[in-house]
Amino acid sequence: MALFISSLLFLFMITSHLVHGEDQRMPPHLPEMLGALALGIAIVSIVLPARAFDIALRSMDVTFENEVGEPVGSFRESAPTVKLIAKPHETVIAAFARFQQPLLMGMALAESINLFGFMLGFMGASPYAYAPFFALGLGIMVWKFPRLETITGALERVKGAKIRF
């Protein structure tokens, strides 16, 4: 979807070069309009993939086991138990497979922000106008880089169990 919208914006860029005169190639409030649009896309690129990953993890079949802790207090009190994921390596590998689609969705949305900056730069905007688009888009891409803590944290939160390797 984001790449499709970016393609439409490139079409708009070409038509604006043909419609406007040589002295005024860029519509006057285009950087502000694209900045507002990029802010909305930045929020969606964070929220939507996280929600999709949570839904994918909820649908995943996971086996659990209970680890009994040391007894505390008197002999009548039961020992605390910790809910653990039974096969942590296989579960994390399956979670990584489910992480791919939300990751690509977030990266494509971040790329569309970069393309807004590219479009502004191509249309003759100053670096002060298009550099923030590249900074925001590349920052989101770096932030979305897959890490083991991201996968295991989401898995523990969604399944309500600890992962111990």
Protein backbone atom coordinates (compact mmCIF):
# COMPACT_ATOMS: atom_id res chain seq x y z
CA MET A 1 0.00 0.00 0.00
CA ALA A 2 2.77 2.41 0.94
CA LEU A 3 4.70 1.71 -2.22
CA PHE A 4 1.53 2.20 -4.24
CA ILE A 5 0.89 5.60 -2.65
CA SER A 6 4.52 6.53 -3.22
CA SER A 7 4.11 5.63 -6.89
CA LEU A 8 1.11 7.93 -7.10
CA LEU A 9 3.18 10.70 -5.54
CA PHE A 10 5.87 10.21 -8.17
CA LEU A 11 3.14 10.57 -10.78
CA PHE A 12 2.07 13.78 -9.04
CA MET A 13 5.68 14.94 -9.11
CA ILE A 14 5.92 14.45 -12.85
CA THR A 15 2.64 16.24 -13.50
CA SER A 16 3.59 19.14 -11.26
CA HIS A 17 6.73 19.65 -13.35
CA LEU A 18 4.58 19.85 -16.44
CA VAL A 19 1.79 22.02 -15.01
CA HIS A 20 3.82 24.64 -13.11
CA GLY A 21 6.18 27.05 -14.74
CA GLU A 22 9.95 26.77 -14.53
CA ASP A 23 10.18 29.42 -11.80
CA GLN A 24 7.75 27.58 -9.48
CA ARG A 25 8.16 23.84 -9.70
CA MET A 26 6.94 22.87 -6.26
CA PRO A 27 3.50 23.67 -4.83
CA PRO A 28 3.96 26.09 -1.92
CA HIS A 29 2.81 23.94 1.03
CA LEU A 30 3.92 20.54 -0.21
CA PRO A 31 6.67 20.01 2.44
CA GLU A 32 4.23 20.74 5.28
CA MET A 33 1.56 18.47 3.79
CA LEU A 34 4.02 15.62 3.30
CA GLY A 35 5.41 16.20 6.80
CA ALA A 36 1.96 15.72 8.32
CA LEU A 37 1.42 12.64 6.17
CA ALA A 38 4.85 11.26 7.15
CA LEU A 39 4.06 11.73 10.84
CA GLY A 40 0.87 9.70 10.45
CA ILE A 41 2.70 7.00 8.50
CA ALA A 42 5.43 6.89 11.17
CA ILE A 43 2.82 6.20 13.85
CA VAL A 44 1.14 3.56 11.69
CA SER A 45 4.52 1.95 10.89
CA ILE A 46 5.04 1.39 14.61
CA VAL A 47 1.53 0.48 15.78
CA LEU A 48 0.24 -1.68 12.91
CA PRO A 49 3.19 -4.13 12.70
CA ALA A 50 3.25 -4.52 16.49
CA ARG A 51 -0.46 -5.32 16.48
CA ALA A 52 -0.04 -7.77 13.58
CA PHE A 53 2.83 -9.50 15.42
CA ASP A 54 0.73 -9.84 18.57
CA ILE A 55 -2.11 -11.41 16.56
CA ALA A 56 0.33 -13.80 14.88
CA LEU A 57 1.80 -14.82 18.24
CA ARG A 58 -1.64 -15.40 19.77
CA SER A 59 -2.47 -17.87 17.01
CA MET A 60 0.76 -19.82 17.60
CA ASP A 61 0.54 -23.15 19.43
CA VAL A 62 2.93 -23.26 22.37
CA THR A 63 3.41 -25.93 25.03
CA PHE A 64 3.97 -24.85 28.59
CA GLU A 65 5.51 -26.35 31.71
CA ASN A 66 5.50 -25.22 35.32
CA GLU A 67 8.66 -24.79 37.35
CA VAL A 68 8.15 -25.12 41.07
CA GLY A 69 10.10 -22.65 43.14
CA GLU A 70 11.40 -22.99 46.66
CA PRO A 71 8.79 -23.10 49.40
CA VAL A 72 8.35 -19.97 51.45
CA GLY A 73 6.75 -19.61 54.82
CA SER A 74 5.21 -22.58 56.59
CA PHE A 75 4.79 -26.05 55.18
CA ARG A 76 1.09 -25.37 54.53
CA GLU A 77 1.78 -22.72 51.92
CA SER A 78 2.35 -23.95 48.40
CA ALA A 79 5.57 -23.20 46.61
CA PRO A 80 5.33 -20.56 43.90
CA THR A 81 5.29 -21.80 40.32
CA VAL A 82 6.59 -20.11 37.20
CA LYS A 83 4.96 -20.78 33.84
CA LEU A 84 7.66 -21.56 31.27
CA ILE A 85 7.60 -22.24 27.55
CA ALA A 86 8.48 -25.93 27.13
CA LYS A 87 10.53 -25.81 23.92
CA PRO A 88 12.08 -22.34 23.86
CA HIS A 89 14.35 -22.77 20.82
CA GLU A 90 11.64 -24.12 18.51
CA THR A 91 9.15 -21.55 19.80
CA VAL A 92 11.49 -18.61 19.17
CA ILE A 93 12.27 -19.88 15.65
CA ALA A 94 8.54 -20.11 14.93
CA ALA A 95 8.06 -16.60 16.36
CA PHE A 96 10.83 -15.26 14.08
CA ALA A 97 8.97 -16.72 11.11
CA ARG A 98 5.81 -14.91 12.20
CA PHE A 99 7.82 -11.69 12.70
CA GLN A 100 8.77 -11.43 9.02
CA GLN A 101 5.46 -10.08 7.68
CA PRO A 102 5.08 -7.32 10.30
CA LEU A 103 8.75 -6.41 9.82
CA LEU A 104 8.32 -6.02 6.06
CA MET A 105 5.14 -4.01 6.58
CA GLY A 106 6.90 -1.58 8.92
CA MET A 107 9.93 -1.29 6.64
CA ALA A 108 7.76 -0.53 3.61
CA LEU A 109 5.94 2.19 5.52
CA ALA A 110 9.27 3.66 6.66
CA GLU A 111 10.50 3.53 3.07
CA SER A 112 7.51 5.57 1.96
CA ILE A 113 8.63 8.33 4.34
CA ASN A 114 12.06 8.22 2.68
CA LEU A 115 10.40 8.47 -0.70
CA PHE A 116 8.57 11.63 0.40
CA GLY A 117 11.96 13.17 1.14
CA PHE A 118 13.31 11.94 -2.19
CA MET A 119 10.36 13.50 -3.97
CA LEU A 120 10.89 16.85 -2.26
CA GLY A 121 14.59 16.81 -3.05
CA PHE A 122 13.93 15.90 -6.66
CA MET A 123 11.46 18.75 -6.96
CA GLY A 124 14.08 21.24 -5.82
CA ALA A 125 13.39 21.65 -2.11
CA SER A 126 16.27 22.62 0.16
CA PRO A 127 18.03 19.99 2.28
CA TYR A 128 16.35 21.50 5.34
CA ALA A 129 13.01 20.45 3.84
CA TYR A 130 13.83 16.88 2.77
CA ALA A 131 16.51 15.77 5.27
CA PRO A 132 14.02 15.23 8.16
CA PHE A 133 12.09 12.75 6.01
CA PHE A 134 15.21 10.67 5.47
CA ALA A 135 16.17 10.94 9.15
CA LEU A 136 12.73 9.79 10.29
CA GLY A 137 12.44 6.97 7.75
CA LEU A 138 15.93 5.64 8.36
CA GLY A 139 15.50 6.00 12.12
CA ILE A 140 12.36 3.86 12.03
CA MET A 141 14.13 1.26 9.88
CA VAL A 142 17.04 1.06 12.33
CA TRP A 143 14.64 0.87 15.28
CA LYS A 144 12.75 -1.98 13.62
CA PHE A 145 15.87 -4.08 13.08
CA PRO A 146 15.00 -7.54 14.46
CA ARG A 147 16.56 -8.37 17.82
CA LEU A 148 16.15 -11.47 19.96
CA GLU A 149 14.90 -9.33 22.87
CA THR A 150 12.10 -7.95 20.69
CA ILE A 151 10.88 -11.42 19.75
CA THR A 152 11.20 -13.00 23.20
CA GLY A 153 9.70 -9.99 24.98
CA ALA A 154 6.63 -9.99 22.76
CA LEU A 155 6.31 -13.77 23.09
CA GLU A 156 6.50 -13.60 26.89
CA ARG A 157 3.98 -10.76 27.01
CA VAL A 158 1.45 -12.40 24.68
CA LYS A 159 1.71 -15.96 26.05
CA GLY A 160 2.13 -14.98 29.71
CA ALA A 161 5.09 -17.32 30.23
CA LYS A 162 8.84 -16.92 30.66
CA ILE A 163 11.43 -18.12 28.18
CA ARG A 164 14.58 -19.73 29.55
CA PHE A 165 17.22 -21.08 27.21
